[in-house]
Protein backbone atom coordinates (compact mmCIF):
# COMPACT_ATOMS: atom_id res chain seq x y z
CA MET A 1 -0.07 0.07 -0.10
CA SER A 2 1.36 3.44 -0.82
CA GLN A 3 2.29 5.68 1.80
CA GLN A 4 1.66 9.51 2.03
CA ILE A 5 4.76 11.85 1.54
CA GLU A 6 5.38 15.46 2.37
CA VAL A 7 6.43 17.63 -0.71
CA GLN A 8 7.40 21.17 -0.41
CA ILE A 9 6.50 23.47 -3.55
CA ASN A 10 7.18 26.95 -4.15
CA ILE A 11 4.46 29.17 -5.64
CA GLY A 12 4.53 32.75 -6.16
CA GLY A 13 7.75 32.98 -3.88
CA ARG A 14 6.01 30.97 -1.05
CA THR A 15 6.78 27.65 0.27
CA PHE A 16 3.76 25.04 0.99
CA ASP A 17 4.05 21.67 2.31
CA VAL A 18 1.88 19.06 0.21
CA ALA A 19 1.21 15.62 1.11
CA CYS A 20 0.79 13.02 -1.79
CA GLN A 21 1.00 9.46 -2.53
CA GLU A 22 4.54 7.87 -2.79
CA GLY A 23 5.48 7.68 -6.52
CA GLU A 24 3.34 10.78 -7.33
CA GLU A 25 5.85 13.49 -6.55
CA GLN A 26 6.83 14.44 -9.97
CA TYR A 27 3.14 15.08 -11.15
CA LEU A 28 2.99 17.15 -8.07
CA LEU A 29 5.83 18.93 -8.74
CA THR A 30 4.83 19.62 -12.62
CA ALA A 31 1.55 20.84 -11.37
CA ALA A 32 3.12 23.07 -8.78
CA ARG A 33 5.41 24.46 -11.48
CA MET A 34 2.66 25.42 -13.77
CA LEU A 35 0.86 27.33 -11.02
CA ASP A 36 4.14 28.89 -9.78
CA THR A 37 4.47 30.15 -13.69
CA GLU A 38 0.98 31.79 -13.37
CA ALA A 39 1.56 33.07 -9.43
CA SER A 40 4.94 34.71 -10.93
CA VAL A 41 3.20 36.59 -13.74
CA LEU A 42 0.83 38.02 -11.11
CA VAL A 43 3.41 38.87 -8.62
CA ASP A 44 5.37 40.61 -11.27
CA GLN A 45 2.37 42.59 -12.44
CA ILE A 46 0.56 43.41 -9.05
CA GLY A 47 3.20 42.75 -6.60
CA ARG A 48 2.63 41.06 -3.23
CA MET A 49 -0.87 40.02 -2.46
CA PRO A 50 -2.97 37.77 -0.22
CA GLU A 51 -1.87 34.07 -0.40
CA ALA A 52 -5.43 32.72 -1.11
CA ARG A 53 -6.18 35.80 -3.74
CA MET A 54 -2.68 34.69 -5.54
CA LEU A 55 -3.68 31.25 -5.49
CA LEU A 56 -7.13 31.72 -6.57
CA MET A 57 -5.96 34.09 -9.43
CA SER A 58 -3.38 31.72 -10.34
CA GLY A 59 -5.90 28.88 -10.52
CA LEU A 60 -8.38 30.55 -12.72
CA MET A 61 -5.59 31.67 -15.23
CA LEU A 62 -4.72 28.08 -15.50
CA ALA A 63 -8.29 27.04 -15.70
CA ASP A 64 -8.45 29.68 -18.54
CA LYS A 65 -5.70 28.26 -20.28
CA THR A 66 -6.82 24.74 -19.93
CA ALA A 67 -10.34 25.51 -21.01
CA GLY A 68 -8.57 27.07 -24.14
CA LEU A 69 -6.72 23.95 -24.75
CA GLU A 70 -9.90 21.82 -24.37
CA ASP A 71 -11.59 23.78 -26.93
CA ARG A 72 -8.74 23.24 -29.40
CA LEU A 73 -8.54 19.82 -28.63
CA ARG A 74 -12.36 19.31 -29.48
CA GLU A 75 -11.83 20.99 -32.63
CA ALA A 76 -9.07 18.77 -33.41
CA GLU A 77 -10.98 15.57 -32.79
CA ASP A 78 -13.98 17.17 -34.64
CA LYS A 79 -11.94 17.47 -37.55
CA LEU A 80 -10.04 14.23 -37.31
CA GLY A 81 -13.43 12.69 -37.16
CA GLU A 82 -14.36 14.51 -40.28
CA MET A 83 -11.12 13.17 -41.93
CA ALA A 84 -11.80 9.71 -40.87
CA GLU A 85 -15.16 9.54 -42.27
CA GLU A 86 -14.08 11.04 -45.38
CA LEU A 87 -11.18 8.62 -45.30
CA ARG A 88 -13.73 5.52 -44.75
CA GLU A 89 -15.84 6.87 -47.95
CA LEU A 90 -12.96 6.97 -50.08
CA ARG A 91 -11.72 3.44 -48.98
CA GLU A 92 -15.59 2.24 -49.79
CA ARG A 93 -15.74 3.97 -53.15
CA PRO A 94 -15.72 1.73 -56.00
CA LEU A 95 -12.41 1.78 -58.10
CA PRO A 96 -12.84 3.82 -61.10
CA GLU A 97 -13.16 1.83 -64.49
CA PRO A 98 -10.15 1.36 -66.16
CA GLU A 99 -9.53 3.73 -69.28
CA LYS A 100 -8.78 2.30 -72.74
CA VAL A 101 -5.47 4.00 -73.94
CA GLU A 102 -4.88 3.63 -77.54
CA VAL A 103 -1.47 3.29 -78.89
CA PRO A 104 -0.95 4.04 -82.47
CA VAL A 105 0.37 1.14 -84.36
CA ILE A 106 2.63 1.55 -87.52
CA PRO A 107 1.02 -0.34 -90.23
CA ALA A 108 3.29 -3.28 -91.66
CA SER A 109 3.07 -1.51 -95.30
CA VAL A 110 4.77 1.17 -93.72
CA SER A 111 7.63 -0.89 -91.90
CA ASP A 112 8.03 -3.06 -94.98
CA THR A 113 8.47 0.42 -97.38
CA LEU A 114 11.08 1.92 -95.07
CA ALA A 115 12.95 -1.39 -94.93
CA GLU A 116 12.94 -1.70 -98.86
CA LEU A 117 14.25 2.11 -98.96
CA ALA A 118 16.97 1.54 -96.21
CA ALA A 119 17.91 -1.73 -98.58
CA ARG A 120 18.08 0.62 -101.38
CA ALA A 121 20.36 3.17 -99.78
CA GLU A 122 22.69 0.74 -98.79
CA ALA A 123 22.92 -0.61 -102.13
CA VAL A 124 23.61 2.90 -103.67
CA ALA A 125 26.21 3.45 -100.78
CA GLU A 126 27.87 0.21 -101.67
CA GLU A 127 27.82 1.00 -105.58
CA ILE A 128 29.30 4.79 -104.88
CA GLU A 129 32.03 3.05 -102.62
CA ALA A 130 33.01 0.47 -105.09
CA LYS A 131 33.14 3.18 -107.84
CA ALA A 132 35.26 5.26 -105.52
CA ALA A 133 37.84 2.64 -104.70
CA GLY A 134 38.08 1.27 -108.41
């Protein structure tokens, strides 16, 4: 069974002894740092104030930030839900029909004519070489 332990925290320049369960010290210290950040802003702006007021105002400032973050989280979750729905719809949509692509084919008669022209050109070239050599 966990035991309670005392942890010393600083908020707004004041020290407090707070009890927590063993193993939860880091969570408490993190929360205290957040509260201290807000309290330090207040102390810098307003100066020294009663402890209860400082803690109340710091808590309200943190609550305001938290509410803003919760709104942004809700918006992000809504957007994520919309995107998940869109993705599901896209996956369920039937695949488009394959497109028929026509590739031009050179008729055999053109290929034969080109081959014949090439053969004639080679024959003429051989004839010219023979005349030049002889």
